[in-house]
Amino acid sequence: MKKILLALLCLVAFEARARVIDTVESNIADTVKKDTVKKDTVEQWYKKPGTFIAPEILIGIGTLSFVVKPIRNFDYYIRGRIAISDPNYNSKLADYLQLSPAALVYALNLVGDEGKNRFVDRTALLALSGGILTITDGLKYVAHRTRPYGTDPLSWPSGHTGAAFLAAEFLAQEYSEKSPLYGVLGYTVAATTGVLRLYGRAHWFSDCVQILARLPGYPTM
């Protein structure tokens, strides 16, 4: 699974790089000026039916892992399989991947490939989502779940995975109307981040699936 995700990540990253090369000759000053005066495009995402169904289910799975034994047993199963398949894994790659989709948004915009929302709106939404993520990440100090490698009780929920999916949704909302590959790239990065945190024994599976709800996350528009 880890190898498949990394291969897909390389493929879609190549396509995104091609788009950056196509737009790099744009005038940066004109881009910044146009971006700050562009009409407000933020929509009321919360009015769309079904917006909260998937998040509620995933949040339920993550939360119920504390009291439902089969869910917790699946955590142990995943940890066991990783211990067999890759017992010596040790990498900091997830640290660098987690915010890369958000950084790509600003890089693309800077070279002239405009996103869906103007700079002020997108930055405000990203900051708000990041603030909610910080609050949610504070649940670690209440839950006191020990990490798989046993060094501290700050396992649930996964902060790296949360940041990665927030950044992925940010990229998808800004650029998926131009190309669905942007969404694929963002979520491949996010999923890879979560998988790498499992391989690094920093989190249980249910720590990461809790975050798949994208709560917090960039508002779905």
N, C-alpha and C. Protein backbone atom coordinates (compact mmCIF):
# COMPACT_ATOMS: atom_id res chain seq x y z
N MET A 1 0.82 -1.21 0.00
CA MET A 1 0.00 0.00 0.00
C MET A 1 0.86 1.26 0.00
N LYS A 2 1.91 1.25 0.84
CA LYS A 2 2.79 2.41 0.92
C LYS A 2 3.45 2.67 -0.42
N LYS A 3 3.91 1.64 -1.11
CA LYS A 3 4.58 1.79 -2.40
C LYS A 3 3.62 2.30 -3.47
N ILE A 4 2.37 1.81 -3.44
CA ILE A 4 1.37 2.24 -4.42
C ILE A 4 1.08 3.73 -4.25
N LEU A 5 0.90 4.17 -3.00
CA LEU A 5 0.62 5.57 -2.73
C LEU A 5 1.77 6.46 -3.17
N LEU A 6 3.00 6.03 -2.91
CA LEU A 6 4.16 6.83 -3.29
C LEU A 6 4.30 6.91 -4.81
N ALA A 7 3.98 5.81 -5.53
CA ALA A 7 4.04 5.82 -6.98
C ALA A 7 3.00 6.77 -7.57
N LEU A 8 1.78 6.73 -7.03
CA LEU A 8 0.72 7.62 -7.49
C LEU A 8 1.08 9.06 -7.20
N LEU A 9 1.68 9.29 -6.05
CA LEU A 9 2.11 10.64 -5.68
C LEU A 9 3.10 11.18 -6.70
N CYS A 10 4.06 10.38 -7.13
CA CYS A 10 5.05 10.81 -8.12
C CYS A 10 4.39 11.14 -9.45
N LEU A 11 3.40 10.32 -9.85
CA LEU A 11 2.72 10.52 -11.13
C LEU A 11 1.96 11.83 -11.18
N VAL A 12 1.14 12.09 -10.16
CA VAL A 12 0.33 13.31 -10.18
C VAL A 12 1.18 14.54 -9.89
N ALA A 13 2.27 14.37 -9.15
CA ALA A 13 3.18 15.49 -8.90
C ALA A 13 3.83 15.94 -10.21
N PHE A 14 4.13 14.98 -11.08
CA PHE A 14 4.71 15.31 -12.38
C PHE A 14 3.75 16.15 -13.20
N GLU A 15 2.46 15.82 -13.16
CA GLU A 15 1.46 16.58 -13.91
C GLU A 15 1.34 17.99 -13.35
N ALA A 16 1.34 18.10 -12.02
CA ALA A 16 1.25 19.43 -11.41
C ALA A 16 2.47 20.27 -11.76
N ARG A 17 3.64 19.65 -11.78
CA ARG A 17 4.87 20.35 -12.14
C ARG A 17 4.78 20.88 -13.57
N ALA A 18 4.17 20.11 -14.45
CA ALA A 18 4.02 20.55 -15.83
C ALA A 18 3.17 21.80 -15.93
N ARG A 19 2.12 21.86 -15.09
CA ARG A 19 1.25 23.04 -15.11
C ARG A 19 1.99 24.26 -14.57
N VAL A 20 2.84 24.05 -13.58
CA VAL A 20 3.63 25.17 -13.05
C VAL A 20 4.55 25.71 -14.13
N ILE A 21 5.20 24.82 -14.87
CA ILE A 21 6.12 25.24 -15.94
C ILE A 21 5.36 26.04 -17.01
N ASP A 22 4.12 25.61 -17.31
CA ASP A 22 3.32 26.29 -18.33
C ASP A 22 2.98 27.72 -17.94
N THR A 23 2.91 27.99 -16.61
CA THR A 23 2.44 29.30 -16.15
C THR A 23 3.52 30.17 -15.54
N VAL A 24 4.77 29.67 -15.47
CA VAL A 24 5.81 30.38 -14.75
C VAL A 24 6.20 31.70 -15.38
N GLU A 25 5.87 31.92 -16.67
CA GLU A 25 6.23 33.15 -17.34
C GLU A 25 5.26 34.30 -17.04
N SER A 26 4.20 34.03 -16.26
CA SER A 26 3.23 35.06 -15.93
C SER A 26 3.88 36.14 -15.06
N ASN A 27 3.34 37.34 -15.13
CA ASN A 27 3.87 38.44 -14.33
C ASN A 27 3.37 38.33 -12.90
N ILE A 28 4.29 38.16 -11.95
CA ILE A 28 3.91 37.94 -10.56
C ILE A 28 3.22 39.16 -9.96
N ALA A 29 3.70 40.35 -10.28
CA ALA A 29 3.10 41.56 -9.73
C ALA A 29 1.65 41.71 -10.17
N ASP A 30 1.39 41.44 -11.45
CA ASP A 30 0.02 41.51 -11.95
C ASP A 30 -0.85 40.47 -11.28
N THR A 31 -0.30 39.29 -11.02
CA THR A 31 -1.05 38.23 -10.37
C THR A 31 -1.48 38.63 -8.97
N VAL A 32 -0.54 39.19 -8.21
CA VAL A 32 -0.84 39.60 -6.84
C VAL A 32 -1.90 40.69 -6.83
N LYS A 33 -1.76 41.68 -7.71
CA LYS A 33 -2.72 42.77 -7.77
C LYS A 33 -4.11 42.28 -8.12
N LYS A 34 -4.19 41.42 -9.14
CA LYS A 34 -5.48 40.91 -9.60
C LYS A 34 -6.13 40.02 -8.55
N ASP A 35 -5.28 39.28 -7.83
CA ASP A 35 -5.79 38.33 -6.83
C ASP A 35 -6.41 39.03 -5.64
N THR A 36 -5.88 40.19 -5.27
CA THR A 36 -6.39 40.88 -4.09
C THR A 36 -7.66 41.66 -4.36
N VAL A 37 -7.98 41.92 -5.63
CA VAL A 37 -9.20 42.67 -5.95
C VAL A 37 -10.26 41.80 -6.60
N LYS A 38 -9.96 40.52 -6.78
CA LYS A 38 -10.92 39.62 -7.43
C LYS A 38 -12.21 39.50 -6.62
N LYS A 39 -13.30 39.34 -7.29
CA LYS A 39 -14.60 39.24 -6.64
C LYS A 39 -14.65 38.07 -5.67
N ASP A 40 -15.32 38.29 -4.55
CA ASP A 40 -15.47 37.25 -3.54
C ASP A 40 -16.21 36.06 -4.13
N THR A 41 -15.62 34.86 -4.02
CA THR A 41 -16.23 33.66 -4.61
C THR A 41 -16.60 32.62 -3.57
N VAL A 42 -16.48 32.95 -2.29
CA VAL A 42 -16.78 31.98 -1.25
C VAL A 42 -18.27 31.69 -1.21
N GLU A 43 -18.63 30.42 -1.25
CA GLU A 43 -20.03 30.00 -1.24
C GLU A 43 -20.40 29.45 0.12
N GLN A 44 -21.67 29.33 0.36
CA GLN A 44 -22.14 28.81 1.64
C GLN A 44 -22.18 27.28 1.55
N TRP A 45 -21.02 26.67 1.83
CA TRP A 45 -20.84 25.23 1.69
C TRP A 45 -21.76 24.43 2.59
N TYR A 46 -22.11 24.99 3.75
CA TYR A 46 -22.86 24.23 4.73
C TYR A 46 -24.31 24.02 4.35
N LYS A 47 -24.79 24.67 3.28
CA LYS A 47 -26.17 24.52 2.85
C LYS A 47 -26.38 23.32 1.94
N LYS A 48 -25.29 22.71 1.49
CA LYS A 48 -25.43 21.57 0.59
C LYS A 48 -25.85 20.33 1.37
N PRO A 49 -26.90 19.61 0.90
CA PRO A 49 -27.36 18.42 1.60
C PRO A 49 -26.32 17.31 1.62
N GLY A 50 -26.23 16.60 2.72
CA GLY A 50 -25.32 15.47 2.83
C GLY A 50 -23.90 15.84 3.17
N THR A 51 -23.63 17.13 3.41
CA THR A 51 -22.26 17.57 3.66
C THR A 51 -21.64 16.86 4.86
N PHE A 52 -22.44 16.58 5.88
CA PHE A 52 -21.89 16.08 7.13
C PHE A 52 -22.02 14.57 7.32
N ILE A 53 -22.59 13.86 6.34
CA ILE A 53 -22.83 12.43 6.53
C ILE A 53 -21.52 11.66 6.68
N ALA A 54 -20.63 11.79 5.70
CA ALA A 54 -19.35 11.07 5.77
C ALA A 54 -18.52 11.48 6.97
N PRO A 55 -18.39 12.78 7.26
CA PRO A 55 -17.63 13.16 8.45
C PRO A 55 -18.17 12.57 9.74
N GLU A 56 -19.51 12.53 9.88
CA GLU A 56 -20.09 12.00 11.10
C GLU A 56 -19.78 10.51 11.26
N ILE A 57 -19.84 9.78 10.15
CA ILE A 57 -19.54 8.34 10.20
C ILE A 57 -18.09 8.11 10.61
N LEU A 58 -17.17 8.84 9.98
CA LEU A 58 -15.75 8.64 10.26
C LEU A 58 -15.37 9.11 11.66
N ILE A 59 -15.96 10.20 12.09
CA ILE A 59 -15.72 10.66 13.45
C ILE A 59 -16.23 9.62 14.44
N GLY A 60 -17.38 9.02 14.11
CA GLY A 60 -17.94 7.98 14.97
C GLY A 60 -17.01 6.79 15.10
N ILE A 61 -16.44 6.36 13.97
CA ILE A 61 -15.51 5.22 14.01
C ILE A 61 -14.31 5.53 14.89
N GLY A 62 -13.74 6.71 14.69
CA GLY A 62 -12.56 7.08 15.48
C GLY A 62 -12.87 7.18 16.96
N THR A 63 -14.01 7.76 17.30
CA THR A 63 -14.38 7.93 18.70
C THR A 63 -14.75 6.60 19.35
N LEU A 64 -15.49 5.78 18.61
CA LEU A 64 -15.93 4.49 19.15
C LEU A 64 -14.77 3.52 19.35
N SER A 65 -13.62 3.82 18.76
CA SER A 65 -12.48 2.93 18.95
C SER A 65 -12.06 2.84 20.42
N PHE A 66 -12.51 3.80 21.22
CA PHE A 66 -12.18 3.77 22.65
C PHE A 66 -13.04 2.76 23.42
N VAL A 67 -14.21 2.44 22.86
CA VAL A 67 -15.13 1.58 23.61
C VAL A 67 -15.58 0.34 22.85
N VAL A 68 -15.38 0.30 21.55
CA VAL A 68 -15.81 -0.84 20.74
C VAL A 68 -14.59 -1.72 20.46
N LYS A 69 -14.57 -2.89 21.03
CA LYS A 69 -13.40 -3.75 20.96
C LYS A 69 -13.01 -4.16 19.54
N PRO A 70 -13.94 -4.52 18.65
CA PRO A 70 -13.54 -4.90 17.28
C PRO A 70 -12.79 -3.79 16.55
N ILE A 71 -13.18 -2.54 16.76
CA ILE A 71 -12.47 -1.43 16.12
C ILE A 71 -11.05 -1.34 16.66
N ARG A 72 -10.93 -1.48 17.97
CA ARG A 72 -9.61 -1.42 18.58
C ARG A 72 -8.75 -2.62 18.16
N ASN A 73 -9.37 -3.76 18.02
CA ASN A 73 -8.63 -4.94 17.57
C ASN A 73 -8.08 -4.74 16.17
N PHE A 74 -8.82 -4.00 15.34
CA PHE A 74 -8.33 -3.71 13.99
C PHE A 74 -7.09 -2.82 14.05
N ASP A 75 -7.06 -1.92 15.02
CA ASP A 75 -5.85 -1.12 15.24
C ASP A 75 -4.65 -2.03 15.49
N TYR A 76 -4.83 -3.00 16.37
CA TYR A 76 -3.73 -3.91 16.71
C TYR A 76 -3.34 -4.77 15.50
N TYR A 77 -4.34 -5.13 14.70
CA TYR A 77 -4.07 -5.94 13.51
C TYR A 77 -3.18 -5.16 12.53
N ILE A 78 -3.54 -3.89 12.28
CA ILE A 78 -2.76 -3.05 11.37
C ILE A 78 -1.34 -2.88 11.90
N ARG A 79 -1.21 -2.64 13.20
CA ARG A 79 0.13 -2.47 13.77
C ARG A 79 0.95 -3.75 13.59
N GLY A 80 0.30 -4.88 13.77
CA GLY A 80 1.00 -6.15 13.61
C GLY A 80 1.46 -6.39 12.19
N ARG A 81 0.62 -6.06 11.23
CA ARG A 81 0.99 -6.25 9.82
C ARG A 81 2.17 -5.34 9.44
N ILE A 82 2.16 -4.12 9.94
CA ILE A 82 3.26 -3.20 9.65
C ILE A 82 4.55 -3.70 10.29
N ALA A 83 4.45 -4.23 11.50
CA ALA A 83 5.63 -4.76 12.18
C ALA A 83 6.26 -5.91 11.40
N ILE A 84 5.43 -6.65 10.70
CA ILE A 84 5.93 -7.77 9.90
C ILE A 84 6.51 -7.29 8.57
N SER A 85 5.79 -6.38 7.91
CA SER A 85 6.18 -5.97 6.56
C SER A 85 7.33 -4.97 6.54
N ASP A 86 7.40 -4.10 7.54
CA ASP A 86 8.42 -3.04 7.51
C ASP A 86 8.85 -2.69 8.93
N PRO A 87 9.50 -3.60 9.62
CA PRO A 87 9.81 -3.40 11.04
C PRO A 87 10.85 -2.31 11.31
N ASN A 88 11.64 -1.93 10.31
CA ASN A 88 12.71 -0.97 10.53
C ASN A 88 12.44 0.39 9.89
N TYR A 89 11.17 0.66 9.58
CA TYR A 89 10.86 1.93 8.92
C TYR A 89 11.21 3.10 9.84
N ASN A 90 11.89 4.09 9.28
CA ASN A 90 12.26 5.29 10.03
C ASN A 90 12.47 6.44 9.05
N SER A 91 11.49 7.32 8.96
CA SER A 91 11.57 8.42 8.00
C SER A 91 10.80 9.62 8.53
N LYS A 92 11.28 10.80 8.17
CA LYS A 92 10.62 12.05 8.52
C LYS A 92 9.83 12.63 7.34
N LEU A 93 9.62 11.82 6.30
CA LEU A 93 8.96 12.31 5.10
C LEU A 93 7.58 12.90 5.40
N ALA A 94 6.83 12.30 6.31
CA ALA A 94 5.49 12.79 6.64
C ALA A 94 5.53 14.22 7.16
N ASP A 95 6.61 14.59 7.84
CA ASP A 95 6.74 15.96 8.35
C ASP A 95 6.74 16.98 7.23
N TYR A 96 7.32 16.61 6.09
CA TYR A 96 7.44 17.52 4.96
C TYR A 96 6.22 17.45 4.05
N LEU A 97 5.58 16.29 3.98
CA LEU A 97 4.44 16.12 3.08
C LEU A 97 3.18 16.82 3.58
N GLN A 98 3.01 16.91 4.88
CA GLN A 98 1.70 17.27 5.43
C GLN A 98 1.15 18.61 4.94
N LEU A 99 1.98 19.60 4.76
CA LEU A 99 1.50 20.92 4.33
C LEU A 99 1.84 21.26 2.89
N SER A 100 2.43 20.31 2.16
CA SER A 100 2.85 20.58 0.79
C SER A 100 1.69 20.93 -0.15
N PRO A 101 0.48 20.33 -0.02
CA PRO A 101 -0.60 20.75 -0.92
C PRO A 101 -0.99 22.22 -0.73
N ALA A 102 -0.97 22.71 0.50
CA ALA A 102 -1.29 24.11 0.75
C ALA A 102 -0.21 25.02 0.18
N ALA A 103 1.05 24.60 0.33
CA ALA A 103 2.15 25.39 -0.24
C ALA A 103 2.04 25.45 -1.76
N LEU A 104 1.58 24.37 -2.38
CA LEU A 104 1.44 24.33 -3.83
C LEU A 104 0.40 25.34 -4.31
N VAL A 105 -0.67 25.54 -3.53
CA VAL A 105 -1.70 26.52 -3.89
C VAL A 105 -1.07 27.90 -4.07
N TYR A 106 -0.29 28.32 -3.10
CA TYR A 106 0.31 29.65 -3.18
C TYR A 106 1.41 29.72 -4.24
N ALA A 107 2.12 28.62 -4.45
CA ALA A 107 3.14 28.60 -5.49
C ALA A 107 2.50 28.75 -6.88
N LEU A 108 1.42 28.02 -7.11
CA LEU A 108 0.72 28.11 -8.39
C LEU A 108 0.17 29.50 -8.62
N ASN A 109 -0.43 30.07 -7.57
CA ASN A 109 -1.00 31.40 -7.70
C ASN A 109 0.07 32.44 -7.96
N LEU A 110 1.23 32.27 -7.34
CA LEU A 110 2.31 33.24 -7.48
C LEU A 110 2.85 33.29 -8.91
N VAL A 111 2.82 32.15 -9.60
CA VAL A 111 3.34 32.13 -10.97
C VAL A 111 2.25 32.39 -12.00
N GLY A 112 1.05 32.74 -11.53
CA GLY A 112 0.02 33.18 -12.46
C GLY A 112 -1.14 32.23 -12.68
N ASP A 113 -1.12 31.06 -12.07
CA ASP A 113 -2.22 30.11 -12.22
C ASP A 113 -3.21 30.35 -11.08
N GLU A 114 -4.24 31.15 -11.36
CA GLU A 114 -5.16 31.59 -10.31
C GLU A 114 -6.05 30.46 -9.81
N GLY A 115 -6.32 30.49 -8.51
CA GLY A 115 -7.22 29.52 -7.91
C GLY A 115 -8.66 30.01 -7.92
N LYS A 116 -9.51 29.30 -7.20
CA LYS A 116 -10.94 29.61 -7.20
C LYS A 116 -11.24 30.88 -6.42
N ASN A 117 -10.60 31.06 -5.29
CA ASN A 117 -10.89 32.20 -4.42
C ASN A 117 -9.74 33.20 -4.43
N ARG A 118 -10.08 34.43 -4.10
CA ARG A 118 -9.04 35.45 -4.02
C ARG A 118 -8.16 35.19 -2.80
N PHE A 119 -6.99 35.81 -2.79
CA PHE A 119 -5.98 35.57 -1.76
C PHE A 119 -6.52 35.77 -0.35
N VAL A 120 -7.25 36.86 -0.13
CA VAL A 120 -7.74 37.18 1.20
C VAL A 120 -8.69 36.10 1.71
N ASP A 121 -9.63 35.67 0.85
CA ASP A 121 -10.62 34.67 1.26
C ASP A 121 -9.96 33.33 1.56
N ARG A 122 -9.10 32.89 0.64
CA ARG A 122 -8.50 31.57 0.83
C ARG A 122 -7.60 31.54 2.07
N THR A 123 -6.89 32.62 2.30
CA THR A 123 -5.99 32.67 3.45
C THR A 123 -6.78 32.70 4.76
N ALA A 124 -7.89 33.43 4.77
CA ALA A 124 -8.73 33.50 5.96
C ALA A 124 -9.33 32.13 6.28
N LEU A 125 -9.82 31.43 5.24
CA LEU A 125 -10.39 30.11 5.44
C LEU A 125 -9.33 29.11 5.91
N LEU A 126 -8.16 29.21 5.34
CA LEU A 126 -7.08 28.31 5.74
C LEU A 126 -6.68 28.56 7.19
N ALA A 127 -6.61 29.83 7.58
CA ALA A 127 -6.24 30.17 8.95
C ALA A 127 -7.31 29.70 9.93
N LEU A 128 -8.59 29.88 9.56
CA LEU A 128 -9.68 29.43 10.42
C LEU A 128 -9.64 27.92 10.59
N SER A 129 -9.46 27.21 9.49
CA SER A 129 -9.40 25.76 9.55
C SER A 129 -8.20 25.30 10.38
N GLY A 130 -7.08 25.99 10.22
CA GLY A 130 -5.90 25.65 11.00
C GLY A 130 -6.13 25.88 12.49
N GLY A 131 -6.87 26.93 12.82
CA GLY A 131 -7.19 27.18 14.23
C GLY A 131 -8.06 26.08 14.82
N ILE A 132 -9.04 25.63 14.04
CA ILE A 132 -9.91 24.55 14.51
C ILE A 132 -9.10 23.26 14.66
N LEU A 133 -8.18 23.03 13.72
CA LEU A 133 -7.33 21.85 13.80
C LEU A 133 -6.50 21.87 15.08
N THR A 134 -5.99 23.03 15.43
CA THR A 134 -5.19 23.14 16.65
C THR A 134 -6.01 22.79 17.88
N ILE A 135 -7.26 23.27 17.89
CA ILE A 135 -8.15 22.97 19.02
C ILE A 135 -8.44 21.47 19.08
N THR A 136 -8.75 20.90 17.91
CA THR A 136 -9.06 19.47 17.85
C THR A 136 -7.85 18.63 18.27
N ASP A 137 -6.68 19.07 17.84
CA ASP A 137 -5.46 18.34 18.19
C ASP A 137 -5.24 18.34 19.70
N GLY A 138 -5.82 19.33 20.37
CA GLY A 138 -5.70 19.38 21.81
C GLY A 138 -6.43 18.25 22.53
N LEU A 139 -7.29 17.53 21.79
CA LEU A 139 -7.97 16.38 22.38
C LEU A 139 -6.98 15.31 22.82
N LYS A 140 -5.77 15.36 22.27
CA LYS A 140 -4.73 14.41 22.67
C LYS A 140 -4.55 14.42 24.19
N TYR A 141 -4.63 15.61 24.76
CA TYR A 141 -4.34 15.76 26.18
C TYR A 141 -5.52 15.33 27.06
N VAL A 142 -6.65 15.08 26.41
CA VAL A 142 -7.82 14.57 27.12
C VAL A 142 -7.94 13.06 26.94
N ALA A 143 -7.70 12.60 25.72
CA ALA A 143 -7.87 11.18 25.39
C ALA A 143 -6.80 10.31 26.04
N HIS A 144 -5.58 10.79 26.09
CA HIS A 144 -4.46 10.05 26.71
C HIS A 144 -4.31 8.64 26.13
N ARG A 145 -4.35 8.53 24.82
CA ARG A 145 -4.11 7.23 24.19
C ARG A 145 -2.62 7.09 23.90
N THR A 146 -2.04 6.01 24.34
CA THR A 146 -0.61 5.76 24.14
C THR A 146 -0.32 5.44 22.68
N ARG A 147 0.75 6.01 22.16
CA ARG A 147 1.14 5.75 20.78
C ARG A 147 1.59 4.29 20.63
N PRO A 148 1.53 3.77 19.39
CA PRO A 148 1.97 2.40 19.16
C PRO A 148 3.40 2.12 19.63
N TYR A 149 4.28 3.13 19.52
CA TYR A 149 5.64 2.88 20.00
C TYR A 149 5.79 3.15 21.49
N GLY A 150 4.72 3.57 22.15
CA GLY A 150 4.66 3.59 23.61
C GLY A 150 5.39 4.68 24.34
N THR A 151 5.79 5.76 23.66
CA THR A 151 6.58 6.76 24.35
C THR A 151 5.78 7.87 25.02
N ASP A 152 4.58 8.14 24.53
CA ASP A 152 3.76 9.19 25.16
C ASP A 152 2.28 8.92 24.90
N PRO A 153 1.38 9.52 25.69
CA PRO A 153 -0.05 9.28 25.54
C PRO A 153 -0.74 10.33 24.66
N LEU A 154 -0.16 10.65 23.51
CA LEU A 154 -0.69 11.71 22.65
C LEU A 154 -0.98 11.18 21.26
N SER A 155 -1.56 10.01 21.18
CA SER A 155 -1.75 9.37 19.88
C SER A 155 -3.00 9.85 19.14
N TRP A 156 -4.11 10.01 19.84
CA TRP A 156 -5.40 10.29 19.19
C TRP A 156 -5.82 11.73 19.43
N PRO A 157 -6.18 12.45 18.35
CA PRO A 157 -6.13 12.09 16.92
C PRO A 157 -4.77 12.45 16.31
N SER A 158 -4.59 12.09 15.05
CA SER A 158 -3.33 12.33 14.36
C SER A 158 -3.25 13.76 13.83
N GLY A 159 -2.35 14.55 14.40
CA GLY A 159 -2.18 15.93 13.96
C GLY A 159 -1.60 16.03 12.56
N HIS A 160 -0.62 15.18 12.23
CA HIS A 160 -0.03 15.19 10.90
C HIS A 160 -1.08 14.88 9.83
N THR A 161 -1.89 13.85 10.10
CA THR A 161 -2.91 13.46 9.13
C THR A 161 -3.97 14.56 8.99
N GLY A 162 -4.32 15.17 10.10
CA GLY A 162 -5.28 16.27 10.06
C GLY A 162 -4.78 17.43 9.22
N ALA A 163 -3.54 17.82 9.43
CA ALA A 163 -2.96 18.91 8.65
C ALA A 163 -2.88 18.55 7.17
N ALA A 164 -2.55 17.30 6.89
CA ALA A 164 -2.42 16.86 5.50
C ALA A 164 -3.76 16.89 4.77
N PHE A 165 -4.82 16.43 5.42
CA PHE A 165 -6.13 16.43 4.76
C PHE A 165 -6.71 17.84 4.67
N LEU A 166 -6.40 18.68 5.63
CA LEU A 166 -6.80 20.08 5.53
C LEU A 166 -6.15 20.70 4.30
N ALA A 167 -4.84 20.48 4.14
CA ALA A 167 -4.11 21.04 3.01
C ALA A 167 -4.60 20.44 1.68
N ALA A 168 -4.95 19.16 1.70
CA ALA A 168 -5.44 18.50 0.49
C ALA A 168 -6.77 19.09 0.03
N GLU A 169 -7.67 19.31 0.98
CA GLU A 169 -8.96 19.91 0.62
C GLU A 169 -8.78 21.35 0.16
N PHE A 170 -7.85 22.03 0.76
CA PHE A 170 -7.52 23.40 0.35
C PHE A 170 -7.10 23.42 -1.12
N LEU A 171 -6.20 22.54 -1.50
CA LEU A 171 -5.74 22.44 -2.88
C LEU A 171 -6.88 22.04 -3.82
N ALA A 172 -7.68 21.05 -3.39
CA ALA A 172 -8.78 20.57 -4.24
C ALA A 172 -9.81 21.66 -4.49
N GLN A 173 -10.16 22.41 -3.44
CA GLN A 173 -11.16 23.45 -3.60
C GLN A 173 -10.67 24.57 -4.51
N GLU A 174 -9.39 24.88 -4.44
CA GLU A 174 -8.87 25.98 -5.22
C GLU A 174 -8.63 25.63 -6.69
N TYR A 175 -8.28 24.36 -6.98
CA TYR A 175 -7.82 24.06 -8.34
C TYR A 175 -8.48 22.86 -9.02
N SER A 176 -9.33 22.11 -8.32
CA SER A 176 -9.88 20.91 -8.96
C SER A 176 -10.82 21.24 -10.12
N GLU A 177 -11.37 22.45 -10.17
CA GLU A 177 -12.21 22.83 -11.31
C GLU A 177 -11.36 22.98 -12.57
N LYS A 178 -10.09 23.27 -12.41
CA LYS A 178 -9.19 23.37 -13.56
C LYS A 178 -8.70 22.00 -13.99
N SER A 179 -8.41 21.15 -13.02
CA SER A 179 -7.97 19.79 -13.32
C SER A 179 -8.22 18.91 -12.10
N PRO A 180 -8.91 17.77 -12.28
CA PRO A 180 -9.16 16.87 -11.15
C PRO A 180 -7.87 16.28 -10.59
N LEU A 181 -6.79 16.37 -11.34
CA LEU A 181 -5.51 15.84 -10.87
C LEU A 181 -5.02 16.57 -9.63
N TYR A 182 -5.43 17.81 -9.47
CA TYR A 182 -5.03 18.53 -8.26
C TYR A 182 -5.64 17.89 -7.02
N GLY A 183 -6.90 17.53 -7.12
CA GLY A 183 -7.53 16.83 -6.00
C GLY A 183 -6.88 15.49 -5.74
N VAL A 184 -6.58 14.77 -6.83
CA VAL A 184 -5.90 13.48 -6.70
C VAL A 184 -4.55 13.66 -6.02
N LEU A 185 -3.81 14.68 -6.46
CA LEU A 185 -2.50 14.95 -5.87
C LEU A 185 -2.61 15.25 -4.39
N GLY A 186 -3.53 16.16 -4.03
CA GLY A 186 -3.68 16.55 -2.63
C GLY A 186 -4.04 15.39 -1.73
N TYR A 187 -5.03 14.60 -2.15
CA TYR A 187 -5.47 13.50 -1.30
C TYR A 187 -4.50 12.33 -1.31
N THR A 188 -3.72 12.19 -2.39
CA THR A 188 -2.67 11.18 -2.39
C THR A 188 -1.60 11.55 -1.37
N VAL A 189 -1.24 12.83 -1.34
CA VAL A 189 -0.28 13.31 -0.34
C VAL A 189 -0.82 13.09 1.07
N ALA A 190 -2.10 13.42 1.28
CA ALA A 190 -2.69 13.28 2.61
C ALA A 190 -2.74 11.82 3.04
N ALA A 191 -3.19 10.95 2.13
CA ALA A 191 -3.26 9.53 2.46
C ALA A 191 -1.87 8.96 2.73
N THR A 192 -0.90 9.40 1.92
CA THR A 192 0.47 8.94 2.12
C THR A 192 0.99 9.38 3.48
N THR A 193 0.66 10.61 3.87
CA THR A 193 1.07 11.11 5.18
C THR A 193 0.51 10.23 6.29
N GLY A 194 -0.78 9.91 6.20
CA GLY A 194 -1.40 9.05 7.21
C GLY A 194 -0.76 7.67 7.26
N VAL A 195 -0.53 7.09 6.08
CA VAL A 195 0.08 5.76 6.02
C VAL A 195 1.48 5.78 6.61
N LEU A 196 2.25 6.82 6.30
CA LEU A 196 3.61 6.91 6.83
C LEU A 196 3.62 7.07 8.34
N ARG A 197 2.61 7.75 8.87
CA ARG A 197 2.51 7.87 10.33
C ARG A 197 2.21 6.51 10.97
N LEU A 198 1.44 5.69 10.26
CA LEU A 198 1.19 4.33 10.75
C LEU A 198 2.48 3.51 10.70
N TYR A 199 3.20 3.63 9.60
CA TYR A 199 4.45 2.88 9.45
C TYR A 199 5.50 3.35 10.46
N GLY A 200 5.44 4.61 10.81
CA GLY A 200 6.37 5.12 11.81
C GLY A 200 5.96 4.80 13.23
N ARG A 201 4.82 4.10 13.38
CA ARG A 201 4.29 3.69 14.67
C ARG A 201 3.98 4.88 15.59
N ALA A 202 3.68 6.01 14.95
CA ALA A 202 3.30 7.19 15.72
C ALA A 202 1.81 7.22 16.01
N HIS A 203 1.02 6.45 15.22
CA HIS A 203 -0.43 6.48 15.36
C HIS A 203 -1.05 5.12 15.07
N TRP A 204 -2.22 4.93 15.64
CA TRP A 204 -3.07 3.79 15.33
C TRP A 204 -3.93 4.14 14.13
N PHE A 205 -4.49 3.13 13.49
CA PHE A 205 -5.36 3.35 12.33
C PHE A 205 -6.54 4.25 12.70
N SER A 206 -7.15 4.01 13.84
CA SER A 206 -8.33 4.81 14.22
C SER A 206 -7.96 6.25 14.55
N ASP A 207 -6.71 6.53 14.87
CA ASP A 207 -6.27 7.91 15.06
C ASP A 207 -6.35 8.68 13.76
N CYS A 208 -6.04 7.99 12.67
CA CYS A 208 -6.00 8.63 11.35
C CYS A 208 -7.36 8.66 10.68
N VAL A 209 -8.16 7.60 10.84
CA VAL A 209 -9.47 7.57 10.20
C VAL A 209 -10.38 8.63 10.79
N GLN A 210 -10.15 9.00 12.03
CA GLN A 210 -10.89 10.09 12.66
C GLN A 210 -10.72 11.38 11.85
N ILE A 211 -9.53 11.58 11.31
CA ILE A 211 -9.21 12.80 10.59
C ILE A 211 -9.71 12.76 9.15
N LEU A 212 -10.00 11.58 8.61
CA LEU A 212 -10.49 11.49 7.24
C LEU A 212 -11.80 12.23 7.06
N ALA A 213 -12.45 12.56 8.16
CA ALA A 213 -13.69 13.32 8.09
C ALA A 213 -13.45 14.77 7.67
N ARG A 214 -12.16 15.19 7.64
CA ARG A 214 -11.79 16.56 7.33
C ARG A 214 -12.48 17.51 8.30
N LEU A 215 -12.57 17.09 9.58
CA LEU A 215 -13.08 17.98 10.61
C LEU A 215 -12.01 18.06 11.70
N PRO A 216 -11.20 19.10 11.74
CA PRO A 216 -11.38 20.28 10.91
C PRO A 216 -10.82 20.07 9.51
N GLY A 217 -11.22 20.94 8.61
CA GLY A 217 -10.70 20.90 7.26
C GLY A 217 -11.17 22.11 6.52
N TYR A 218 -10.64 22.30 5.35
CA TYR A 218 -11.06 23.43 4.53
C TYR A 218 -12.52 23.25 4.16
N PRO A 219 -13.39 24.22 4.39
CA PRO A 219 -14.82 24.06 4.13
C PRO A 219 -15.11 23.58 2.72
N THR A 220 -15.97 22.57 2.60
CA THR A 220 -16.36 22.05 1.30
C THR A 220 -17.35 23.02 0.65
N MET A 221 -17.01 23.53 -0.51
CA MET A 221 -17.84 24.55 -1.14
C MET A 221 -18.66 24.00 -2.29
